[in-house]
C-alpha atoms as a PDB file:
ATOM      1  CA  MET A   1     -22.951   1.856 -29.813  1.00  0.00           C
ATOM      2  CA  ASP A   2     -24.551   0.912 -32.923  1.00  0.00           C
ATOM      3  CA  THR A   3     -25.448  -2.495 -31.706  1.00  0.00           C
ATOM      4  CA  ILE A   4     -27.304  -0.922 -29.010  1.00  0.00           C
ATOM      5  CA  TRP A   5     -29.314   1.211 -31.520  1.00  0.00           C
ATOM      6  CA  ILE A   6     -30.147  -1.634 -33.222  1.00  0.00           C
ATOM      7  CA  VAL A   7     -31.290  -3.979 -30.401  1.00  0.00           C
ATOM      8  CA  LEU A   8     -33.227  -0.965 -29.071  1.00  0.00           C
ATOM      9  CA  ILE A   9     -34.656  -0.537 -32.333  1.00  0.00           C
ATOM     10  CA  VAL A  10     -35.364  -4.502 -32.919  1.00  0.00           C
ATOM     11  CA  VAL A  11     -37.184  -4.623 -28.951  1.00  0.00           C
ATOM     12  CA  ALA A  12     -39.482  -1.070 -29.977  1.00  0.00           C
ATOM     13  CA  VAL A  13     -40.562  -2.861 -33.244  1.00  0.00           C
ATOM     14  CA  LEU A  14     -41.559  -5.784 -31.213  1.00  0.00           C
ATOM     15  CA  ILE A  15     -43.011  -4.183 -28.304  1.00  0.00           C
ATOM     16  CA  VAL A  16     -45.061  -1.996 -31.088  1.00  0.00           C
ATOM     17  CA  TRP A  17     -45.966  -5.399 -32.998  1.00  0.00           C
ATOM     18  CA  ILE A  18     -47.733  -7.035 -29.937  1.00  0.00           C
ATOM     19  CA  VAL A  19     -49.406  -3.872 -29.137  1.00  0.00           C
ATOM     20  CA  VAL A  20     -51.002  -4.111 -32.355  1.00  0.00           C
ATOM     21  CA  ILE A  21     -51.735  -8.168 -32.217  1.00  0.00           C
ATOM     22  CA  TYR A  22     -53.057  -7.130 -28.653  1.00  0.00           C
ATOM     23  CA  ASN A  23     -55.230  -3.892 -29.773  1.00  0.00           C
ATOM     24  CA  GLY A  24     -56.594  -6.021 -32.631  1.00  0.00           C
ATOM     25  CA  LEU A  25     -57.723  -8.662 -30.168  1.00  0.00           C
ATOM     26  CA  VAL A  26     -59.185  -6.671 -27.774  1.00  0.00           C
ATOM     27  CA  GLY A  27     -61.436  -4.993 -30.913  1.00  0.00           C
ATOM     28  CA  LEU A  28     -62.312  -8.085 -32.324  1.00  0.00           C
ATOM     29  CA  ARG A  29     -63.729  -9.526 -28.867  1.00  0.00           C
ATOM     30  CA  GLN A  30     -65.449  -6.037 -28.484  1.00  0.00           C
ATOM     31  CA  ASN A  31     -67.091  -6.589 -31.798  1.00  0.00           C
ATOM     32  CA  ARG A  32     -68.378 -10.240 -30.453  1.00  0.00           C
ATOM     33  CA  ASP A  33     -69.703  -8.760 -27.176  1.00  0.00           C
ATOM     34  CA  ASN A  34     -71.418  -5.966 -28.987  1.00  0.00           C
ATOM     35  CA  ALA A  35     -73.059  -8.610 -31.483  1.00  0.00           C
ATOM     36  CA  PHE A  36     -74.275 -10.517 -28.308  1.00  0.00           C
ATOM     37  CA  ALA A  37     -75.820  -7.238 -26.760  1.00  0.00           C
ATOM     38  CA  ASP A  38     -78.019  -7.362 -29.658  1.00  0.00           C
ATOM     39  CA  ILE A  39     -78.574 -10.720 -29.339  1.00  0.00           C
ATOM     40  CA  ASP A  40     -79.767 -10.071 -25.710  1.00  0.00           C
ATOM     41  CA  VAL A  41     -82.418  -7.380 -26.432  1.00  0.00           C
ATOM     42  CA  GLN A  42     -83.982  -9.421 -28.611  1.00  0.00           C
ATOM     43  CA  LEU A  43     -84.071 -12.485 -26.413  1.00  0.00           C
ATOM     44  CA  LYS A  44     -85.294  -9.851 -23.527  1.00  0.00           C
ATOM     45  CA  GLN A  45     -88.276  -8.941 -25.558  1.00  0.00           C
ATOM     46  CA  ARG A  46     -88.660 -13.244 -26.577  1.00  0.00           C
ATOM     47  CA  HIS A  47     -88.588 -13.537 -22.746  1.00  0.00           C
ATOM     48  CA  ASP A  48     -91.228 -11.152 -22.187  1.00  0.00           C
ATOM     49  CA  LEU A  49     -93.484 -12.529 -24.613  1.00  0.00           C
ATOM     50  CA  VAL A  50     -93.590 -16.232 -23.548  1.00  0.00           C
ATOM     51  CA  PRO A  51     -95.610 -15.405 -20.775  1.00  0.00           C
ATOM     52  CA  GLN A  52     -98.226 -13.674 -22.832  1.00  0.00           C
ATOM     53  CA  LEU A  53     -98.289 -16.317 -25.334  1.00  0.00           C
ATOM     54  CA  ILE A  54     -98.508 -18.892 -22.372  1.00  0.00           C
ATOM     55  CA  GLY A  55    -101.376 -17.198 -21.062  1.00  0.00           C
ATOM     56  CA  ALA A  56    -103.544 -17.275 -24.363  1.00  0.00           C
ATOM     57  CA  VAL A  57    -102.869 -20.696 -24.744  1.00  0.00           C
ATOM     58  CA  LYS A  58    -103.376 -21.776 -21.273  1.00  0.00           C
ATOM     59  CA  GLY A  59    -107.590 -21.871 -21.647  1.00  0.00           C
ATOM     60  CA  TYR A  60    -107.473 -23.970 -24.806  1.00  0.00           C
ATOM     61  CA  MET A  61    -104.766 -26.381 -23.545  1.00  0.00           C
ATOM     62  CA  GLU A  62    -104.871 -27.163 -19.988  1.00  0.00           C
ATOM     63  CA  HIS A  63    -104.519 -31.010 -20.226  1.00  0.00           C
ATOM     64  CA  GLU A  64    -100.955 -30.032 -22.196  1.00  0.00           C
ATOM     65  CA  ARG A  65     -99.697 -28.729 -18.907  1.00  0.00           C
ATOM     66  CA  GLY A  66     -96.208 -30.402 -19.749  1.00  0.00           C
ATOM     67  CA  THR A  67     -95.676 -28.702 -22.959  1.00  0.00           C
ATOM     68  CA  LEU A  68     -96.484 -25.211 -21.282  1.00  0.00           C
ATOM     69  CA  GLU A  69     -94.378 -26.500 -18.031  1.00  0.00           C
ATOM     70  CA  ALA A  70     -91.347 -27.006 -20.521  1.00  0.00           C
ATOM     71  CA  VAL A  71     -91.875 -23.504 -21.890  1.00  0.00           C
ATOM     72  CA  THR A  72     -92.009 -21.515 -18.499  1.00  0.00           C
ATOM     73  CA  ASN A  73     -89.223 -24.003 -17.218  1.00  0.00           C
ATOM     74  CA  ALA A  74     -86.862 -23.107 -20.177  1.00  0.00           C
ATOM     75  CA  ARG A  75     -87.585 -19.316 -20.212  1.00  0.00           C
ATOM     76  CA  GLN A  76     -86.720 -19.199 -16.713  1.00  0.00           C
ATOM     77  CA  ARG A  77     -83.567 -21.202 -17.222  1.00  0.00           C
ATOM     78  CA  ALA A  78     -83.032 -18.446 -20.000  1.00  0.00           C
ATOM     79  CA  MET A  79     -83.381 -15.471 -18.281  1.00  0.00           C
ATOM     80  CA  GLY A  80     -80.853 -16.905 -15.468  1.00  0.00           C
ATOM     81  CA  ALA A  81     -78.308 -17.414 -17.334  1.00  0.00           C
ATOM     82  CA  SER A  82     -75.083 -15.464 -16.726  1.00  0.00           C
ATOM     83  CA  SER A  83     -72.147 -16.043 -19.030  1.00  0.00           C
ATOM     84  CA  ILE A  84     -72.576 -16.367 -23.100  1.00  0.00           C
ATOM     85  CA  ASN A  85     -72.142 -19.593 -23.566  1.00  0.00           C
ATOM     86  CA  ASP A  86     -74.526 -20.789 -20.975  1.00  0.00           C
ATOM     87  CA  LYS A  87     -77.160 -18.543 -22.621  1.00  0.00           C
ATOM     88  CA  ILE A  88     -76.671 -19.865 -25.457  1.00  0.00           C
ATOM     89  CA  SER A  89     -77.464 -23.051 -24.173  1.00  0.00           C
ATOM     90  CA  ALA A  90     -80.411 -22.139 -22.715  1.00  0.00           C
ATOM     91  CA  GLU A  91     -81.520 -20.314 -25.811  1.00  0.00           C
ATOM     92  CA  LYS A  92     -81.448 -23.435 -27.355  1.00  0.00           C
ATOM     93  CA  ASP A  93     -83.470 -25.290 -24.803  1.00  0.00           C
ATOM     94  CA  LEU A  94     -86.156 -22.463 -25.042  1.00  0.00           C
ATOM     95  CA  SER A  95     -86.250 -22.322 -28.685  1.00  0.00           C
ATOM     96  CA  GLN A  96     -86.924 -26.239 -28.677  1.00  0.00           C
ATOM     97  CA  ALA A  97     -89.552 -25.869 -25.762  1.00  0.00           C
ATOM     98  CA  LEU A  98     -91.123 -23.160 -28.093  1.00  0.00           C
ATOM     99  CA  ASN A  99     -91.245 -25.321 -30.891  1.00  0.00           C
ATOM    100  CA  GLY A 100     -92.934 -28.247 -28.831  1.00  0.00           C
ATOM    101  CA  LEU A 101     -95.430 -25.316 -27.917  1.00  0.00           C
ATOM    102  CA  SER A 102     -96.075 -24.757 -31.957  1.00  0.00           C
ATOM    103  CA  ILE A 103     -96.453 -28.328 -32.785  1.00  0.00           C
ATOM    104  CA  GLN A 104     -99.373 -28.702 -29.898  1.00  0.00           C
ATOM    105  CA  VAL A 105    -100.943 -25.646 -30.855  1.00  0.00           C
ATOM    106  CA  GLU A 106    -101.757 -27.516 -34.261  1.00  0.00           C
ATOM    107  CA  ALA A 107    -104.351 -29.706 -32.556  1.00  0.00           C
ATOM    108  CA  TYR A 108    -106.279 -26.582 -31.420  1.00  0.00           C
ATOM    109  CA  PRO A 109    -108.515 -24.918 -34.590  1.00  0.00           C
ATOM    110  CA  ASP A 110    -109.982 -22.509 -32.091  1.00  0.00           C
ATOM    111  CA  LEU A 111    -106.630 -21.500 -30.464  1.00  0.00           C
ATOM    112  CA  LYS A 112    -105.161 -20.876 -33.724  1.00  0.00           C
ATOM    113  CA  ALA A 113    -108.351 -18.833 -34.825  1.00  0.00           C
ATOM    114  CA  SER A 114    -107.932 -16.399 -31.713  1.00  0.00           C
ATOM    115  CA  ALA A 115    -106.946 -13.116 -32.885  1.00  0.00           C
ATOM    116  CA  ASN A 116    -104.721 -12.631 -29.245  1.00  0.00           C
ATOM    117  CA  PHE A 117    -102.731 -15.760 -30.297  1.00  0.00           C
ATOM    118  CA  MET A 118    -102.250 -14.573 -33.920  1.00  0.00           C
ATOM    119  CA  ASN A 119    -101.054 -11.433 -33.140  1.00  0.00           C
ATOM    120  CA  LEU A 120     -98.481 -13.050 -30.191  1.00  0.00           C
ATOM    121  CA  GLN A 121     -97.353 -15.660 -32.793  1.00  0.00           C
ATOM    122  CA  THR A 122     -96.917 -12.752 -35.368  1.00  0.00           C
ATOM    123  CA  GLU A 123     -94.681 -10.675 -32.711  1.00  0.00           C
ATOM    124  CA  LEU A 124     -92.938 -14.187 -31.731  1.00  0.00           C
ATOM    125  CA  ALA A 125     -92.296 -14.927 -35.556  1.00  0.00           C
ATOM    126  CA  ASP A 126     -90.914 -10.990 -35.897  1.00  0.00           C
ATOM    127  CA  ILE A 127     -88.886 -11.840 -32.847  1.00  0.00           C
ATOM    128  CA  GLU A 128     -87.449 -14.990 -34.275  1.00  0.00           C
ATOM    129  CA  ASN A 129     -86.120 -13.067 -37.806  1.00  0.00           C
ATOM    130  CA  LYS A 130     -84.604 -10.549 -35.699  1.00  0.00           C
ATOM    131  CA  LEU A 131     -83.200 -13.108 -33.563  1.00  0.00           C
ATOM    132  CA  ALA A 132     -81.760 -14.762 -36.778  1.00  0.00           C
ATOM    133  CA  ALA A 133     -80.398 -11.783 -38.116  1.00  0.00           C
ATOM    134  CA  VAL A 134     -78.448 -10.406 -34.850  1.00  0.00           C
ATOM    135  CA  ARG A 135     -76.935 -14.540 -34.742  1.00  0.00           C
ATOM    136  CA  ARG A 136     -75.608 -14.126 -37.955  1.00  0.00           C
ATOM    137  CA  PHE A 137     -73.972 -10.899 -37.226  1.00  0.00           C
ATOM    138  CA  PHE A 138     -72.805 -12.822 -33.679  1.00  0.00           C
ATOM    139  CA  ASN A 139     -71.305 -15.696 -35.284  1.00  0.00           C
ATOM    140  CA  SER A 140     -69.664 -13.724 -37.896  1.00  0.00           C
ATOM    141  CA  ALA A 141     -67.984 -11.366 -35.223  1.00  0.00           C
ATOM    142  CA  THR A 142     -67.335 -14.946 -33.514  1.00  0.00           C
ATOM    143  CA  LYS A 143     -65.364 -16.072 -36.290  1.00  0.00           C
ATOM    144  CA  GLU A 144     -63.241 -13.051 -36.838  1.00  0.00           C
ATOM    145  CA  LEU A 145     -62.131 -13.378 -33.564  1.00  0.00           C
ATOM    146  CA  ASN A 146     -61.642 -17.197 -33.793  1.00  0.00           C
ATOM    147  CA  ILE A 147     -59.466 -17.054 -36.613  1.00  0.00           C
ATOM    148  CA  SER A 148     -57.365 -13.665 -35.482  1.00  0.00           C
ATOM    149  CA  VAL A 149     -56.582 -15.998 -32.325  1.00  0.00           C
ATOM    150  CA  GLN A 150     -55.576 -18.824 -34.418  1.00  0.00           C
ATOM    151  CA  LYS A 151     -53.649 -17.335 -36.972  1.00  0.00           C
ATOM    152  CA  PHE A 152     -49.680 -16.802 -36.680  1.00  0.00           C
ATOM    153  CA  PRO A 153     -48.353 -14.602 -35.473  1.00  0.00           C
ATOM    154  CA  ASN A 154     -51.405 -14.078 -33.173  1.00  0.00           C
ATOM    155  CA  VAL A 155     -51.695 -17.403 -31.757  1.00  0.00           C
ATOM    156  CA  LEU A 156     -48.423 -16.715 -30.038  1.00  0.00           C
ATOM    157  CA  PHE A 157     -49.703 -14.089 -27.962  1.00  0.00           C
ATOM    158  CA  ALA A 158     -53.275 -14.677 -27.499  1.00  0.00           C
ATOM    159  CA  GLY A 159     -53.276 -17.310 -25.100  1.00  0.00           C
ATOM    160  CA  MET A 160     -50.839 -15.276 -23.154  1.00  0.00           C
ATOM    161  CA  PHE A 161     -53.531 -12.010 -23.099  1.00  0.00           C
ATOM    162  CA  GLY A 162     -56.377 -14.384 -22.160  1.00  0.00           C
ATOM    163  CA  PHE A 163     -57.877 -14.229 -25.463  1.00  0.00           C
ATOM    164  CA  LYS A 164     -59.213 -17.905 -27.308  1.00  0.00           C
ATOM    165  CA  SER A 165     -61.409 -19.087 -29.726  1.00  0.00           C
ATOM    166  CA  GLU A 166     -65.087 -18.790 -28.811  1.00  0.00           C
ATOM    167  CA  SER A 167     -68.261 -20.618 -29.466  1.00  0.00           C
ATOM    168  CA  MET A 168     -70.817 -20.027 -31.923  1.00  0.00           C
ATOM    169  CA  PHE A 169     -74.622 -19.597 -31.347  1.00  0.00           C
ATOM    170  CA  ASP A 170     -75.864 -22.484 -33.333  1.00  0.00           C
ATOM    171  CA  LEU A 171     -79.162 -23.963 -33.145  1.00  0.00           C
ATOM    172  CA  GLY A 172     -78.075 -27.095 -31.759  1.00  0.00           C
ATOM    173  CA  GLU A 173     -78.504 -30.731 -33.077  1.00  0.00           C
ATOM    174  CA  ALA A 174     -82.332 -31.162 -32.307  1.00  0.00           C
ATOM    175  CA  ASN A 175     -83.423 -27.926 -34.231  1.00  0.00           C
ATOM    176  CA  ARG A 176     -81.008 -28.429 -36.984  1.00  0.00           C
ATOM    177  CA  GLU A 177     -82.505 -31.607 -37.569  1.00  0.00           C
ATOM    178  CA  THR A 178     -85.852 -29.717 -37.888  1.00  0.00           C
ATOM    179  CA  MET A 179     -84.411 -27.046 -40.120  1.00  0.00           C
ATOM    180  CA  ASP A 180     -83.110 -29.928 -42.438  1.00  0.00           C
ATOM    181  CA  LYS A 181     -86.795 -31.345 -42.958  1.00  0.00           C
ATOM    182  CA  ALA A 182     -88.808 -29.804 -45.762  1.00  0.00           C
ATOM    183  CA  PRO A 183     -92.166 -27.908 -44.420  1.00  0.00           C
ATOM    184  CA  GLU A 184     -95.153 -29.759 -44.974  1.00  0.00           C
ATOM    185  CA  VAL A 185     -97.670 -27.794 -47.238  1.00  0.00           C
ATOM    186  CA  LYS A 186    -101.375 -28.545 -46.638  1.00  0.00           C
ATOM    187  CA  PHE A 187    -104.157 -27.540 -48.572  1.00  0.00           C
END
């Protein structure tokens, strides 16, 4: 009789322990999903701003059609991406295309002096700053989830419940190289 009670208590403790692990992992996954929802809001604003920016640039840079098409195509891929990993990849491409556009704009002093273009550039810079902040939050939530999935004893049950390490939202190699360079200051 005593042995049965001991076995029941051990089984009950084991079940409670597994439920606590599962609920913790679910909470961390929800934090990550919520963090990406914040990124989605900023990405939507950026996607809405890109056509306006291209419209302002088009008249000045008509012979730079390839740059404008690259931005437009990258925006379309970013808007059509469905999974978090697809969105991360598509947004890297869009960021690269926008960086290429910024480089091309340097050759057009009249465009840089346009009030409409300057307002759009300011808006884009503001959105990019907000995106950087929400990406940091997303990466922090992803890191917490990944640590929890990989640490013992959670690792014993994480895979069984469908939890895995997730991707961070990073700049990508091309953007990282650009960020590592010191900015040029011209007077």
